[in-house]
Amino acid sequence: MDSCTKCGLALDSVVSTVDIVNCRSFGLQIFHVTPTIAVDKSDSGEIYLSKECLGVEILSAKSSSLNILMPENPEAEDSDFKEVPVPEQLKTTIVDGKLVTSTVEHTG
């Protein structure tokens, strides 16, 4: 999906990758299996995952307000979805001459 605004996409299964680029206010729903979802330069997205899709790898770059919705209890047949935000802010430090990057967690 490229350069879409207020657009939704629902897929059964994908063999390789779902790419979302330059999109605003998008929704993506995967009903079964997808190995990789790549989100680049996109804002305000919601990705709904089924219990079969919980092994997915999600790659995001230059994106904000991205939320992943997944079954709260994957073992239950009719589980509610829980919403989990994808971190937008990263912290990089130098440890033993190597870069170490981690997400910034805000507590309080």
PDB file of N, CA and C in Angstrom:
ATOM      1  N   MET A   1       0.862  -1.146   0.000  1.00  0.00           N
ATOM      2  CA  MET A   1       0.000   0.000   0.000  1.00  0.00           C
ATOM      3  C   MET A   1       0.914   1.216   0.000  1.00  0.00           C
ATOM      4  N   ASP A   2       0.717   2.138  -0.916  1.00  0.00           N
ATOM      5  CA  ASP A   2       1.610   3.284  -1.047  1.00  0.00           C
ATOM      6  C   ASP A   2       0.807   4.579  -1.169  1.00  0.00           C
ATOM      7  N   SER A   3       1.160   5.561  -0.340  1.00  0.00           N
ATOM      8  CA  SER A   3       0.597   6.917  -0.393  1.00  0.00           C
ATOM      9  C   SER A   3      -0.923   6.944  -0.268  1.00  0.00           C
ATOM     10  N   CYS A   4      -1.460   6.211   0.681  1.00  0.00           N
ATOM     11  CA  CYS A   4      -2.907   6.190   0.904  1.00  0.00           C
ATOM     12  C   CYS A   4      -3.265   6.967   2.175  1.00  0.00           C
ATOM     13  N   THR A   5      -4.452   7.543   2.196  1.00  0.00           N
ATOM     14  CA  THR A   5      -4.957   8.240   3.376  1.00  0.00           C
ATOM     15  C   THR A   5      -6.325   7.661   3.721  1.00  0.00           C
ATOM     16  N   LYS A   6      -6.513   7.353   5.019  1.00  0.00           N
ATOM     17  CA  LYS A   6      -7.766   6.778   5.515  1.00  0.00           C
ATOM     18  C   LYS A   6      -8.167   5.566   4.684  1.00  0.00           C
ATOM     19  N   CYS A   7      -7.256   4.604   4.624  1.00  0.00           N
ATOM     20  CA  CYS A   7      -7.454   3.420   3.805  1.00  0.00           C
ATOM     21  C   CYS A   7      -7.320   2.179   4.682  1.00  0.00           C
ATOM     22  N   GLY A   8      -8.027   1.133   4.332  1.00  0.00           N
ATOM     23  CA  GLY A   8      -7.940  -0.118   5.061  1.00  0.00           C
ATOM     24  C   GLY A   8      -7.659  -1.273   4.121  1.00  0.00           C
ATOM     25  N   LEU A   9      -6.958  -2.273   4.643  1.00  0.00           N
ATOM     26  CA  LEU A   9      -6.609  -3.441   3.858  1.00  0.00           C
ATOM     27  C   LEU A   9      -6.792  -4.670   4.744  1.00  0.00           C
ATOM     28  N   ALA A  10      -7.544  -5.652   4.259  1.00  0.00           N
ATOM     29  CA  ALA A  10      -7.759  -6.902   4.995  1.00  0.00           C
ATOM     30  C   ALA A  10      -7.244  -8.043   4.132  1.00  0.00           C
ATOM     31  N   LEU A  11      -6.354  -8.863   4.723  1.00  0.00           N
ATOM     32  CA  LEU A  11      -5.729  -9.951   3.980  1.00  0.00           C
ATOM     33  C   LEU A  11      -5.923 -11.277   4.698  1.00  0.00           C
ATOM     34  N   ASP A  12      -6.076 -12.333   3.921  1.00  0.00           N
ATOM     35  CA  ASP A  12      -6.175 -13.666   4.490  1.00  0.00           C
ATOM     36  C   ASP A  12      -4.793 -14.126   4.931  1.00  0.00           C
ATOM     37  N   SER A  13      -3.888 -14.349   3.987  1.00  0.00           N
ATOM     38  CA  SER A  13      -2.507 -14.750   4.265  1.00  0.00           C
ATOM     39  C   SER A  13      -1.601 -14.149   3.209  1.00  0.00           C
ATOM     40  N   VAL A  14      -0.337 -13.988   3.553  1.00  0.00           N
ATOM     41  CA  VAL A  14       0.654 -13.451   2.629  1.00  0.00           C
ATOM     42  C   VAL A  14       1.872 -14.366   2.682  1.00  0.00           C
ATOM     43  N   VAL A  15       2.483 -14.620   1.531  1.00  0.00           N
ATOM     44  CA  VAL A  15       3.634 -15.509   1.456  1.00  0.00           C
ATOM     45  C   VAL A  15       4.897 -14.829   1.960  1.00  0.00           C
ATOM     46  N   SER A  16       5.041 -13.520   1.680  1.00  0.00           N
ATOM     47  CA  SER A  16       6.295 -12.845   2.012  1.00  0.00           C
ATOM     48  C   SER A  16       6.092 -11.644   2.926  1.00  0.00           C
ATOM     49  N   THR A  17       5.851 -10.471   2.339  1.00  0.00           N
ATOM     50  CA  THR A  17       5.829  -9.219   3.104  1.00  0.00           C
ATOM     51  C   THR A  17       4.662  -8.336   2.700  1.00  0.00           C
ATOM     52  N   VAL A  18       4.100  -7.635   3.676  1.00  0.00           N
ATOM     53  CA  VAL A  18       3.147  -6.565   3.416  1.00  0.00           C
ATOM     54  C   VAL A  18       3.913  -5.265   3.626  1.00  0.00           C
ATOM     55  N   ASP A  19       3.960  -4.404   2.594  1.00  0.00           N
ATOM     56  CA  ASP A  19       4.645  -3.115   2.683  1.00  0.00           C
ATOM     57  C   ASP A  19       3.635  -1.990   2.732  1.00  0.00           C
ATOM     58  N   ILE A  20       3.800  -1.102   3.721  1.00  0.00           N
ATOM     59  CA  ILE A  20       2.967   0.088   3.836  1.00  0.00           C
ATOM     60  C   ILE A  20       3.920   1.274   3.834  1.00  0.00           C
ATOM     61  N   VAL A  21       3.787   2.151   2.826  1.00  0.00           N
ATOM     62  CA  VAL A  21       4.711   3.269   2.653  1.00  0.00           C
ATOM     63  C   VAL A  21       3.927   4.557   2.438  1.00  0.00           C
ATOM     64  N   ASN A  22       4.321   5.626   3.125  1.00  0.00           N
ATOM     65  CA  ASN A  22       3.728   6.967   2.963  1.00  0.00           C
ATOM     66  C   ASN A  22       2.213   6.984   3.169  1.00  0.00           C
ATOM     67  N   CYS A  23       1.725   6.257   4.146  1.00  0.00           N
ATOM     68  CA  CYS A  23       0.281   6.202   4.393  1.00  0.00           C
ATOM     69  C   CYS A  23      -0.086   6.956   5.670  1.00  0.00           C
ATOM     70  N   ARG A  24      -1.281   7.508   5.710  1.00  0.00           N
ATOM     71  CA  ARG A  24      -1.804   8.235   6.864  1.00  0.00           C
ATOM     72  C   ARG A  24      -3.154   7.630   7.256  1.00  0.00           C
ATOM     73  N   SER A  25      -3.341   7.395   8.534  1.00  0.00           N
ATOM     74  CA  SER A  25      -4.602   6.865   9.070  1.00  0.00           C
ATOM     75  C   SER A  25      -5.022   5.583   8.353  1.00  0.00           C
ATOM     76  N   PHE A  26      -4.165   4.591   8.411  1.00  0.00           N
ATOM     77  CA  PHE A  26      -4.449   3.336   7.724  1.00  0.00           C
ATOM     78  C   PHE A  26      -4.803   2.237   8.721  1.00  0.00           C
ATOM     79  N   GLY A  27      -5.440   1.224   8.196  1.00  0.00           N
ATOM     80  CA  GLY A  27      -5.742   0.031   8.969  1.00  0.00           C
ATOM     81  C   GLY A  27      -5.341  -1.191   8.163  1.00  0.00           C
ATOM     82  N   LEU A  28      -4.752  -2.168   8.831  1.00  0.00           N
ATOM     83  CA  LEU A  28      -4.357  -3.419   8.185  1.00  0.00           C
ATOM     84  C   LEU A  28      -4.825  -4.550   9.072  1.00  0.00           C
ATOM     85  N   GLN A  29      -5.504  -5.530   8.484  1.00  0.00           N
ATOM     86  CA  GLN A  29      -5.962  -6.685   9.251  1.00  0.00           C
ATOM     87  C   GLN A  29      -5.486  -7.955   8.560  1.00  0.00           C
ATOM     88  N   ILE A  30      -4.837  -8.819   9.329  1.00  0.00           N
ATOM     89  CA  ILE A  30      -4.349 -10.098   8.824  1.00  0.00           C
ATOM     90  C   ILE A  30      -5.155 -11.206   9.501  1.00  0.00           C
ATOM     91  N   PHE A  31      -5.851 -12.022   8.720  1.00  0.00           N
ATOM     92  CA  PHE A  31      -6.699 -13.075   9.285  1.00  0.00           C
ATOM     93  C   PHE A  31      -5.932 -14.350   9.622  1.00  0.00           C
ATOM     94  N   HIS A  32      -4.869 -14.648   8.876  1.00  0.00           N
ATOM     95  CA  HIS A  32      -4.131 -15.885   9.130  1.00  0.00           C
ATOM     96  C   HIS A  32      -2.643 -15.601   9.286  1.00  0.00           C
ATOM     97  N   VAL A  33      -1.800 -15.979   8.335  1.00  0.00           N
ATOM     98  CA  VAL A  33      -0.350 -15.916   8.512  1.00  0.00           C
ATOM     99  C   VAL A  33       0.304 -14.903   7.574  1.00  0.00           C
ATOM    100  N   THR A  34       1.223 -14.137   8.116  1.00  0.00           N
ATOM    101  CA  THR A  34       2.078 -13.234   7.344  1.00  0.00           C
ATOM    102  C   THR A  34       3.429 -13.200   8.042  1.00  0.00           C
ATOM    103  N   PRO A  35       4.517 -13.477   7.317  1.00  0.00           N
ATOM    104  CA  PRO A  35       5.829 -13.489   7.972  1.00  0.00           C
ATOM    105  C   PRO A  35       6.331 -12.096   8.367  1.00  0.00           C
ATOM    106  N   THR A  36       6.112 -11.085   7.503  1.00  0.00           N
ATOM    107  CA  THR A  36       6.686  -9.762   7.749  1.00  0.00           C
ATOM    108  C   THR A  36       5.734  -8.657   7.337  1.00  0.00           C
ATOM    109  N   ILE A  37       5.677  -7.607   8.175  1.00  0.00           N
ATOM    110  CA  ILE A  37       4.961  -6.378   7.840  1.00  0.00           C
ATOM    111  C   ILE A  37       5.977  -5.253   7.947  1.00  0.00           C
ATOM    112  N   ALA A  38       6.133  -4.464   6.878  1.00  0.00           N
ATOM    113  CA  ALA A  38       7.061  -3.339   6.868  1.00  0.00           C
ATOM    114  C   ALA A  38       6.273  -2.045   6.743  1.00  0.00           C
ATOM    115  N   VAL A  39       6.492  -1.124   7.690  1.00  0.00           N
ATOM    116  CA  VAL A  39       5.801   0.164   7.697  1.00  0.00           C
ATOM    117  C   VAL A  39       6.867   1.256   7.619  1.00  0.00           C
ATOM    118  N   ASP A  40       6.803   2.098   6.595  1.00  0.00           N
ATOM    119  CA  ASP A  40       7.817   3.117   6.377  1.00  0.00           C
ATOM    120  C   ASP A  40       7.160   4.466   6.082  1.00  0.00           C
ATOM    121  N   LYS A  41       7.610   5.503   6.768  1.00  0.00           N
ATOM    122  CA  LYS A  41       7.129   6.883   6.567  1.00  0.00           C
ATOM    123  C   LYS A  41       5.607   6.975   6.628  1.00  0.00           C
ATOM    124  N   SER A  42       5.011   6.369   7.638  1.00  0.00           N
ATOM    125  CA  SER A  42       3.555   6.346   7.775  1.00  0.00           C
ATOM    126  C   SER A  42       3.148   6.799   9.175  1.00  0.00           C
ATOM    127  N   ASP A  43       1.927   7.312   9.294  1.00  0.00           N
ATOM    128  CA  ASP A  43       1.430   7.827  10.567  1.00  0.00           C
ATOM    129  C   ASP A  43       0.019   7.322  10.847  1.00  0.00           C
ATOM    130  N   SER A  44      -0.277   7.180  12.127  1.00  0.00           N
ATOM    131  CA  SER A  44      -1.616   6.835  12.618  1.00  0.00           C
ATOM    132  C   SER A  44      -2.136   5.540  12.001  1.00  0.00           C
ATOM    133  N   GLY A  45      -1.393   4.456  12.218  1.00  0.00           N
ATOM    134  CA  GLY A  45      -1.802   3.174  11.673  1.00  0.00           C
ATOM    135  C   GLY A  45      -2.192   2.187  12.744  1.00  0.00           C
ATOM    136  N   GLU A  46      -3.115   1.312  12.399  1.00  0.00           N
ATOM    137  CA  GLU A  46      -3.529   0.228  13.284  1.00  0.00           C
ATOM    138  C   GLU A  46      -3.383  -1.082  12.524  1.00  0.00           C
ATOM    139  N   ILE A  47      -2.682  -2.030  13.153  1.00  0.00           N
ATOM    140  CA  ILE A  47      -2.479  -3.340  12.546  1.00  0.00           C
ATOM    141  C   ILE A  47      -3.130  -4.377  13.445  1.00  0.00           C
ATOM    142  N   TYR A  48      -4.149  -5.062  12.914  1.00  0.00           N
ATOM    143  CA  TYR A  48      -4.880  -6.087  13.647  1.00  0.00           C
ATOM    144  C   TYR A  48      -4.323  -7.456  13.269  1.00  0.00           C
ATOM    145  N   LEU A  49      -3.893  -8.213  14.268  1.00  0.00           N
ATOM    146  CA  LEU A  49      -3.309  -9.525  14.032  1.00  0.00           C
ATOM    147  C   LEU A  49      -4.195 -10.622  14.610  1.00  0.00           C
ATOM    148  N   SER A  50      -4.310 -11.721  13.889  1.00  0.00           N
ATOM    149  CA  SER A  50      -5.041 -12.877  14.403  1.00  0.00           C
ATOM    150  C   SER A  50      -4.107 -13.713  15.268  1.00  0.00           C
ATOM    151  N   LYS A  51      -4.635 -14.700  15.948  1.00  0.00           N
ATOM    152  CA  LYS A  51      -3.780 -15.543  16.789  1.00  0.00           C
ATOM    153  C   LYS A  51      -2.810 -16.366  15.950  1.00  0.00           C
ATOM    154  N   GLU A  52      -3.140 -16.649  14.685  1.00  0.00           N
ATOM    155  CA  GLU A  52      -2.239 -17.374  13.798  1.00  0.00           C
ATOM    156  C   GLU A  52      -1.071 -16.504  13.333  1.00  0.00           C
ATOM    157  N   CYS A  53      -1.190 -15.197  13.475  1.00  0.00           N
ATOM    158  CA  CYS A  53      -0.206 -14.257  12.941  1.00  0.00           C
ATOM    159  C   CYS A  53       0.715 -13.684  14.022  1.00  0.00           C
ATOM    160  N   LEU A  54       0.710 -14.236  15.207  1.00  0.00           N
ATOM    161  CA  LEU A  54       1.493 -13.657  16.300  1.00  0.00           C
ATOM    162  C   LEU A  54       2.994 -13.866  16.161  1.00  0.00           C
ATOM    163  N   GLY A  55       3.443 -14.674  15.207  1.00  0.00           N
ATOM    164  CA  GLY A  55       4.865 -14.859  14.953  1.00  0.00           C
ATOM    165  C   GLY A  55       5.416 -13.872  13.934  1.00  0.00           C
ATOM    166  N   VAL A  56       4.633 -12.888  13.551  1.00  0.00           N
ATOM    167  CA  VAL A  56       5.015 -11.911  12.524  1.00  0.00           C
ATOM    168  C   VAL A  56       6.186 -11.037  12.992  1.00  0.00           C
ATOM    169  N   GLU A  57       6.993 -10.602  12.049  1.00  0.00           N
ATOM    170  CA  GLU A  57       8.053  -9.628  12.320  1.00  0.00           C
ATOM    171  C   GLU A  57       7.575  -8.292  11.753  1.00  0.00           C
ATOM    172  N   ILE A  58       7.535  -7.264  12.602  1.00  0.00           N
ATOM    173  CA  ILE A  58       7.067  -5.942  12.171  1.00  0.00           C
ATOM    174  C   ILE A  58       8.253  -4.990  12.151  1.00  0.00           C
ATOM    175  N   LEU A  59       8.541  -4.457  10.976  1.00  0.00           N
ATOM    176  CA  LEU A  59       9.634  -3.501  10.803  1.00  0.00           C
ATOM    177  C   LEU A  59       9.021  -2.125  10.580  1.00  0.00           C
ATOM    178  N   SER A  60       9.451  -1.134  11.350  1.00  0.00           N
ATOM    179  CA  SER A  60       8.917   0.216  11.165  1.00  0.00           C
ATOM    180  C   SER A  60      10.057   1.223  11.151  1.00  0.00           C
ATOM    181  N   ALA A  61       9.922   2.235  10.286  1.00  0.00           N
ATOM    182  CA  ALA A  61      10.918   3.293  10.191  1.00  0.00           C
ATOM    183  C   ALA A  61      10.216   4.597   9.828  1.00  0.00           C
ATOM    184  N   LYS A  62      10.645   5.673  10.470  1.00  0.00           N
ATOM    185  CA  LYS A  62      10.082   7.007  10.205  1.00  0.00           C
ATOM    186  C   LYS A  62       8.561   7.008  10.297  1.00  0.00           C
ATOM    187  N   SER A  63       8.014   6.298  11.257  1.00  0.00           N
ATOM    188  CA  SER A  63       6.571   6.194  11.421  1.00  0.00           C
ATOM    189  C   SER A  63       6.182   6.614  12.831  1.00  0.00           C
ATOM    190  N   SER A  64       4.966   7.149  12.979  1.00  0.00           N
ATOM    191  CA  SER A  64       4.489   7.569  14.295  1.00  0.00           C
ATOM    192  C   SER A  64       3.056   7.092  14.504  1.00  0.00           C
ATOM    193  N   SER A  65       2.673   7.010  15.765  1.00  0.00           N
ATOM    194  CA  SER A  65       1.324   6.601  16.172  1.00  0.00           C
ATOM    195  C   SER A  65       0.916   5.272  15.538  1.00  0.00           C
ATOM    196  N   LEU A  66       1.801   4.308  15.620  1.00  0.00           N
ATOM    197  CA  LEU A  66       1.531   2.976  15.089  1.00  0.00           C
ATOM    198  C   LEU A  66       1.138   2.067  16.251  1.00  0.00           C
ATOM    199  N   ASN A  67      -0.013   1.415  16.136  1.00  0.00           N
ATOM    200  CA  ASN A  67      -0.513   0.525  17.180  1.00  0.00           C
ATOM    201  C   ASN A  67      -0.761  -0.867  16.617  1.00  0.00           C
ATOM    202  N   ILE A  68      -0.397  -1.864  17.413  1.00  0.00           N
ATOM    203  CA  ILE A  68      -0.644  -3.253  17.052  1.00  0.00           C
ATOM    204  C   ILE A  68      -1.770  -3.760  17.947  1.00  0.00           C
ATOM    205  N   LEU A  69      -2.786  -4.349  17.346  1.00  0.00           N
ATOM    206  CA  LEU A  69      -3.890  -4.930  18.104  1.00  0.00           C
ATOM    207  C   LEU A  69      -3.846  -6.437  17.923  1.00  0.00           C
ATOM    208  N   MET A  70      -3.765  -7.149  19.045  1.00  0.00           N
ATOM    209  CA  MET A  70      -3.642  -8.603  19.009  1.00  0.00           C
ATOM    210  C   MET A  70      -4.570  -9.214  20.042  1.00  0.00           C
ATOM    211  N   PRO A  71      -4.891 -10.506  19.885  1.00  0.00           N
ATOM    212  CA  PRO A  71      -5.780 -11.144  20.856  1.00  0.00           C
ATOM    213  C   PRO A  71      -5.192 -11.086  22.268  1.00  0.00           C
ATOM    214  N   GLU A  72      -6.035 -10.697  23.216  1.00  0.00           N
ATOM    215  CA  GLU A  72      -5.609 -10.612  24.610  1.00  0.00           C
ATOM    216  C   GLU A  72      -5.264 -11.999  25.158  1.00  0.00           C
ATOM    217  N   ASN A  73      -6.058 -12.970  24.761  1.00  0.00           N
ATOM    218  CA  ASN A  73      -5.827 -14.365  25.166  1.00  0.00           C
ATOM    219  C   ASN A  73      -5.869 -15.231  23.910  1.00  0.00           C
ATOM    220  N   PRO A  74      -4.714 -15.517  23.298  1.00  0.00           N
ATOM    221  CA  PRO A  74      -4.683 -16.283  22.048  1.00  0.00           C
ATOM    222  C   PRO A  74      -5.300 -17.678  22.155  1.00  0.00           C
ATOM    223  N   GLU A  75      -5.389 -18.221  23.367  1.00  0.00           N
ATOM    224  CA  GLU A  75      -5.957 -19.563  23.547  1.00  0.00           C
ATOM    225  C   GLU A  75      -7.488 -19.557  23.452  1.00  0.00           C
ATOM    226  N   ALA A  76      -8.114 -18.427  23.778  1.00  0.00           N
ATOM    227  CA  ALA A  76      -9.575 -18.331  23.750  1.00  0.00           C
ATOM    228  C   ALA A  76     -10.077 -18.139  22.326  1.00  0.00           C
ATOM    229  N   GLU A  77     -11.236 -18.682  22.040  1.00  0.00           N
ATOM    230  CA  GLU A  77     -11.815 -18.591  20.696  1.00  0.00           C
ATOM    231  C   GLU A  77     -12.281 -17.164  20.369  1.00  0.00           C
ATOM    232  N   ASP A  78     -12.951 -16.508  21.301  1.00  0.00           N
ATOM    233  CA  ASP A  78     -13.488 -15.155  21.080  1.00  0.00           C
ATOM    234  C   ASP A  78     -12.798 -14.138  21.972  1.00  0.00           C
ATOM    235  N   SER A  79     -11.504 -14.026  21.874  1.00  0.00           N
ATOM    236  CA  SER A  79     -10.734 -13.126  22.732  1.00  0.00           C
ATOM    237  C   SER A  79     -10.863 -11.677  22.267  1.00  0.00           C
ATOM    238  N   ASP A  80     -10.904 -10.761  23.236  1.00  0.00           N
ATOM    239  CA  ASP A  80     -10.867  -9.334  22.914  1.00  0.00           C
ATOM    240  C   ASP A  80      -9.468  -8.969  22.449  1.00  0.00           C
ATOM    241  N   PHE A  81      -9.364  -7.832  21.752  1.00  0.00           N
ATOM    242  CA  PHE A  81      -8.063  -7.359  21.294  1.00  0.00           C
ATOM    243  C   PHE A  81      -7.455  -6.420  22.322  1.00  0.00           C
ATOM    244  N   LYS A  82      -6.141  -6.502  22.479  1.00  0.00           N
ATOM    245  CA  LYS A  82      -5.427  -5.517  23.294  1.00  0.00           C
ATOM    246  C   LYS A  82      -4.577  -4.685  22.341  1.00  0.00           C
ATOM    247  N   GLU A  83      -4.502  -3.391  22.655  1.00  0.00           N
ATOM    248  CA  GLU A  83      -3.780  -2.446  21.805  1.00  0.00           C
ATOM    249  C   GLU A  83      -2.420  -2.147  22.418  1.00  0.00           C
ATOM    250  N   VAL A  84      -1.364  -2.305  21.611  1.00  0.00           N
ATOM    251  CA  VAL A  84       0.000  -2.089  22.085  1.00  0.00           C
ATOM    252  C   VAL A  84       0.691  -1.107  21.139  1.00  0.00           C
ATOM    253  N   PRO A  85       1.200   0.013  21.665  1.00  0.00           N
ATOM    254  CA  PRO A  85       1.871   0.983  20.792  1.00  0.00           C
ATOM    255  C   PRO A  85       3.273   0.520  20.402  1.00  0.00           C
ATOM    256  N   VAL A  86       3.694   0.869  19.195  1.00  0.00           N
ATOM    257  CA  VAL A  86       5.053   0.604  18.738  1.00  0.00           C
ATOM    258  C   VAL A  86       5.912   1.800  19.172  1.00  0.00           C
ATOM    259  N   PRO A  87       7.027   1.553  19.843  1.00  0.00           N
ATOM    260  CA  PRO A  87       7.869   2.665  20.322  1.00  0.00           C
ATOM    261  C   PRO A  87       8.340   3.568  19.169  1.00  0.00           C
ATOM    262  N   GLU A  88       8.315   4.876  19.425  1.00  0.00           N
ATOM    263  CA  GLU A  88       8.753   5.855  18.429  1.00  0.00           C
ATOM    264  C   GLU A  88      10.106   6.441  18.777  1.00  0.00           C
ATOM    265  N   GLN A  89      10.481   6.360  20.025  1.00  0.00           N
ATOM    266  CA  GLN A  89      11.707   7.007  20.468  1.00  0.00           C
ATOM    267  C   GLN A  89      12.724   5.951  20.892  1.00  0.00           C
ATOM    268  N   LEU A  90      13.926   6.072  20.348  1.00  0.00           N
ATOM    269  CA  LEU A  90      14.995   5.118  20.637  1.00  0.00           C
ATOM    270  C   LEU A  90      16.168   5.832  21.301  1.00  0.00           C
ATOM    271  N   LYS A  91      16.926   5.070  22.071  1.00  0.00           N
ATOM    272  CA  LYS A  91      18.108   5.606  22.739  1.00  0.00           C
ATOM    273  C   LYS A  91      19.295   4.749  22.332  1.00  0.00           C
ATOM    274  N   THR A  92      20.355   5.393  21.852  1.00  0.00           N
ATOM    275  CA  THR A  92      21.559   4.676  21.453  1.00  0.00           C
ATOM    276  C   THR A  92      22.716   5.097  22.343  1.00  0.00           C
ATOM    277  N   THR A  93      23.420   4.109  22.879  1.00  0.00           N
ATOM    278  CA  THR A  93      24.596   4.358  23.710  1.00  0.00           C
ATOM    279  C   THR A  93      25.768   3.562  23.140  1.00  0.00           C
ATOM    280  N   ILE A  94      26.961   3.913  23.587  1.00  0.00           N
ATOM    281  CA  ILE A  94      28.153   3.193  23.160  1.00  0.00           C
ATOM    282  C   ILE A  94      28.613   2.322  24.321  1.00  0.00           C
ATOM    283  N   VAL A  95      28.665   1.015  24.092  1.00  0.00           N
ATOM    284  CA  VAL A  95      29.071   0.052  25.107  1.00  0.00           C
ATOM    285  C   VAL A  95      30.192  -0.799  24.513  1.00  0.00           C
ATOM    286  N   ASP A  96      31.352  -0.720  25.109  1.00  0.00           N
ATOM    287  CA  ASP A  96      32.520  -1.480  24.633  1.00  0.00           C
ATOM    288  C   ASP A  96      32.805  -1.244  23.151  1.00  0.00           C
ATOM    289  N   GLY A  97      32.658   0.012  22.720  1.00  0.00           N
ATOM    290  CA  GLY A  97      32.968   0.365  21.343  1.00  0.00           C
ATOM    291  C   GLY A  97      31.909   0.002  20.319  1.00  0.00           C
ATOM    292  N   LYS A  98      30.737  -0.467  20.771  1.00  0.00           N
ATOM    293  CA  LYS A  98      29.650  -0.841  19.865  1.00  0.00           C
ATOM    294  C   LYS A  98      28.410  -0.032  20.204  1.00  0.00           C
ATOM    295  N   LEU A  99      27.601   0.244  19.188  1.00  0.00           N
ATOM    296  CA  LEU A  99      26.345   0.944  19.412  1.00  0.00           C
ATOM    297  C   LEU A  99      25.294  -0.023  19.943  1.00  0.00           C
ATOM    298  N   VAL A 100      24.614   0.382  20.997  1.00  0.00           N
ATOM    299  CA  VAL A 100      23.529  -0.410  21.580  1.00  0.00           C
ATOM    300  C   VAL A 100      22.285   0.464  21.582  1.00  0.00           C
ATOM    301  N   THR A 101      21.247   0.014  20.895  1.00  0.00           N
ATOM    302  CA  THR A 101      20.022   0.790  20.764  1.00  0.00           C
ATOM    303  C   THR A 101      18.876   0.092  21.497  1.00  0.00           C
ATOM    304  N   SER A 102      18.120   0.872  22.253  1.00  0.00           N
ATOM    305  CA  SER A 102      16.966   0.344  22.981  1.00  0.00           C
ATOM    306  C   SER A 102      15.839   1.371  22.932  1.00  0.00           C
ATOM    307  N   THR A 103      14.639   0.920  23.222  1.00  0.00           N
ATOM    308  CA  THR A 103      13.511   1.844  23.230  1.00  0.00           C
ATOM    309  C   THR A 103      13.511   2.648  24.523  1.00  0.00           C
ATOM    310  N   VAL A 104      12.988   3.853  24.436  1.00  0.00           N
ATOM    311  CA  VAL A 104      12.869   4.714  25.608  1.00  0.00           C
ATOM    312  C   VAL A 104      11.529   4.414  26.261  1.00  0.00           C
ATOM    313  N   GLU A 105      11.547   4.106  27.531  1.00  0.00           N
ATOM    314  CA  GLU A 105      10.332   3.829  28.262  1.00  0.00           C
ATOM    315  C   GLU A 105      10.026   4.978  29.200  1.00  0.00           C
ATOM    316  N   HIS A 106       8.803   5.490  29.095  1.00  0.00           N
ATOM    317  CA  HIS A 106       8.376   6.586  29.980  1.00  0.00           C
ATOM    318  C   HIS A 106       7.530   5.987  31.102  1.00  0.00           C
ATOM    319  N   THR A 107       7.913   6.267  32.320  1.00  0.00           N
ATOM    320  CA  THR A 107       7.153   5.787  33.464  1.00  0.00           C
ATOM    321  C   THR A 107       6.799   6.963  34.355  1.00  0.00           C
ATOM    322  N   GLY A 108       5.782   6.779  35.135  1.00  0.00           N
ATOM    323  CA  GLY A 108       5.478   7.846  36.066  1.00  0.00           C
ATOM    324  C   GLY A 108       4.051   8.036  36.334  1.00  0.00           C
TER     325      GLY A 108
END
